[in-house]
């Protein structure tokens, strides 16, 4: 253990910094049946569960560097399994509280599916 004269305030400060840097919460944002309209589309394959994320960092809650984008997270989830769309979509927001800022992340999960490719008829 680090010993410094009058080291208890330093130790307590380190504990507070550790607790603040490991604090986070996850909030559900929503639930939907699919990421795109499925009317008139034939599903040919369920590729399995996919997940996509998009995040940003905010300094002291005032200055944001980027922004979390739901569309980017959906595209990442679909691309993770090489499909065309998501079904049974769940959306979450995760916030990680750090000493000098907050990291906010949007998480999209769902089952990746492939559509039947229609040929053009003349």
Protein backbone atom coordinates (compact mmCIF):
# COMPACT_ATOMS: atom_id res chain seq x y z
CA UNK A 1 0.00 0.00 0.00
CA UNK A 2 1.18 3.53 -0.76
CA UNK A 3 2.20 5.38 2.37
CA UNK A 4 2.39 9.11 2.29
CA UNK A 5 2.33 11.43 5.25
CA UNK A 6 -1.33 12.06 5.97
CA UNK A 7 -2.10 9.44 3.33
CA UNK A 8 -5.74 8.79 4.27
CA UNK A 9 -7.13 11.76 2.29
CA UNK A 10 -5.12 10.60 -0.73
CA UNK A 11 -6.43 7.05 -0.32
CA UNK A 12 -10.03 8.26 -0.01
CA UNK A 13 -9.57 10.44 -3.08
CA UNK A 14 -8.30 7.44 -5.06
CA UNK A 15 -11.32 5.40 -3.97
CA UNK A 16 -13.70 8.16 -5.08
CA UNK A 17 -11.96 8.45 -8.46
CA UNK A 18 -12.14 4.67 -8.90
CA UNK A 19 -15.84 4.53 -8.04
CA UNK A 20 -16.67 7.46 -10.33
CA UNK A 21 -14.73 5.97 -13.22
CA UNK A 22 -16.49 2.61 -12.92
CA UNK A 23 -20.05 3.92 -12.67
CA UNK A 24 -22.38 3.30 -15.59
CA UNK A 25 -26.02 2.68 -16.37
CA UNK A 26 -27.95 1.04 -19.20
CA UNK A 27 -31.37 2.38 -20.19
CA UNK A 28 -33.75 0.66 -22.61
CA UNK A 29 -34.71 3.00 -25.47
CA UNK A 30 -37.20 0.88 -27.34
CA UNK A 31 -38.31 -2.29 -29.03
CA UNK A 32 -39.56 -2.83 -32.57
CA UNK A 33 -40.39 -5.79 -34.77
CA UNK A 34 -38.02 -4.86 -37.62
CA UNK A 35 -35.56 -2.22 -38.78
CA UNK A 36 -37.24 -1.93 -42.20
CA UNK A 37 -40.76 -2.62 -43.56
CA UNK A 38 -41.17 -6.32 -44.37
CA UNK A 39 -44.41 -6.16 -46.35
CA UNK A 40 -44.14 -8.17 -49.57
CA UNK A 41 -40.67 -9.46 -48.69
CA UNK A 42 -39.80 -13.14 -48.36
CA UNK A 43 -37.25 -13.94 -45.65
CA UNK A 44 -34.91 -16.70 -46.82
CA UNK A 45 -32.40 -16.93 -43.96
CA UNK A 46 -32.01 -16.01 -40.30
CA UNK A 47 -28.29 -15.32 -39.85
CA UNK A 48 -28.39 -15.12 -36.04
CA UNK A 49 -28.07 -12.39 -33.46
CA UNK A 50 -26.25 -9.21 -34.47
CA UNK A 51 -25.18 -6.21 -32.44
CA UNK A 52 -24.11 -2.72 -33.41
CA UNK A 53 -22.96 0.28 -31.39
CA UNK A 54 -22.34 3.96 -31.86
CA UNK A 55 -20.99 6.30 -29.22
CA UNK A 56 -19.74 9.73 -28.29
CA UNK A 57 -17.77 11.40 -25.51
CA UNK A 58 -18.87 14.50 -23.63
CA UNK A 59 -16.40 16.58 -21.62
CA UNK A 60 -17.92 17.71 -18.32
CA UNK A 61 -21.36 17.19 -19.86
CA UNK A 62 -20.95 20.39 -21.89
CA UNK A 63 -18.83 19.74 -24.98
CA UNK A 64 -19.74 16.71 -27.06
CA UNK A 65 -17.29 15.01 -29.41
CA UNK A 66 -19.53 13.35 -32.00
CA UNK A 67 -22.95 11.91 -31.28
CA UNK A 68 -24.35 8.39 -31.01
CA UNK A 69 -26.21 7.50 -34.21
CA UNK A 70 -28.92 4.80 -34.21
CA UNK A 71 -28.72 4.36 -38.00
CA UNK A 72 -24.97 3.66 -37.83
CA UNK A 73 -25.55 1.11 -35.05
CA UNK A 74 -28.26 -0.64 -37.13
CA UNK A 75 -25.97 -0.76 -40.19
CA UNK A 76 -23.17 -2.23 -38.06
CA UNK A 77 -25.50 -4.90 -36.61
CA UNK A 78 -26.76 -5.93 -40.06
CA UNK A 79 -23.22 -5.96 -41.51
CA UNK A 80 -21.94 -8.10 -38.62
CA UNK A 81 -23.77 -11.11 -40.09
CA UNK A 82 -23.94 -10.02 -43.74
CA UNK A 83 -27.72 -9.69 -43.86
CA UNK A 84 -30.30 -7.26 -45.18
CA UNK A 85 -32.29 -6.18 -42.09
CA UNK A 86 -32.95 -6.78 -38.39
CA UNK A 87 -36.01 -8.31 -36.73
CA UNK A 88 -36.86 -8.35 -33.00
CA UNK A 89 -34.86 -5.15 -32.56
CA UNK A 90 -33.94 -3.87 -29.09
CA UNK A 91 -32.30 -0.50 -28.43
CA UNK A 92 -30.35 0.52 -25.34
CA UNK A 93 -28.38 3.55 -24.21
CA UNK A 94 -25.32 2.97 -22.07
CA UNK A 95 -23.70 5.84 -20.18
CA UNK A 96 -20.30 5.47 -18.55
CA UNK A 97 -19.51 8.25 -16.11
CA UNK A 98 -15.84 9.17 -15.96
CA UNK A 99 -14.08 11.79 -13.87
CA UNK A 100 -13.87 14.39 -16.66
CA UNK A 101 -16.79 13.37 -18.85
CA UNK A 102 -19.43 10.92 -19.96
CA UNK A 103 -19.22 8.28 -22.69
CA UNK A 104 -22.67 7.63 -24.18
CA UNK A 105 -23.27 4.62 -26.40
CA UNK A 106 -26.32 3.41 -28.33
CA UNK A 107 -26.55 -0.39 -28.56
CA UNK A 108 -28.80 -2.12 -31.12
CA UNK A 109 -29.40 -5.88 -30.99
CA UNK A 110 -31.62 -8.13 -33.09
CA UNK A 111 -31.77 -11.12 -35.40
CA UNK A 112 -30.16 -10.49 -38.78
CA UNK A 113 -32.17 -11.75 -41.76
CA UNK A 114 -31.65 -12.05 -45.52
CA UNK A 115 -34.32 -11.31 -48.13
CA UNK A 116 -35.09 -13.17 -51.32
CA UNK A 117 -33.50 -11.33 -54.24
CA UNK A 118 -36.10 -10.66 -56.94
CA UNK A 119 -35.04 -10.83 -60.56
CA UNK A 120 -36.17 -8.15 -62.98
CA UNK A 121 -38.72 -9.46 -65.52
CA UNK A 122 -39.27 -7.80 -68.90
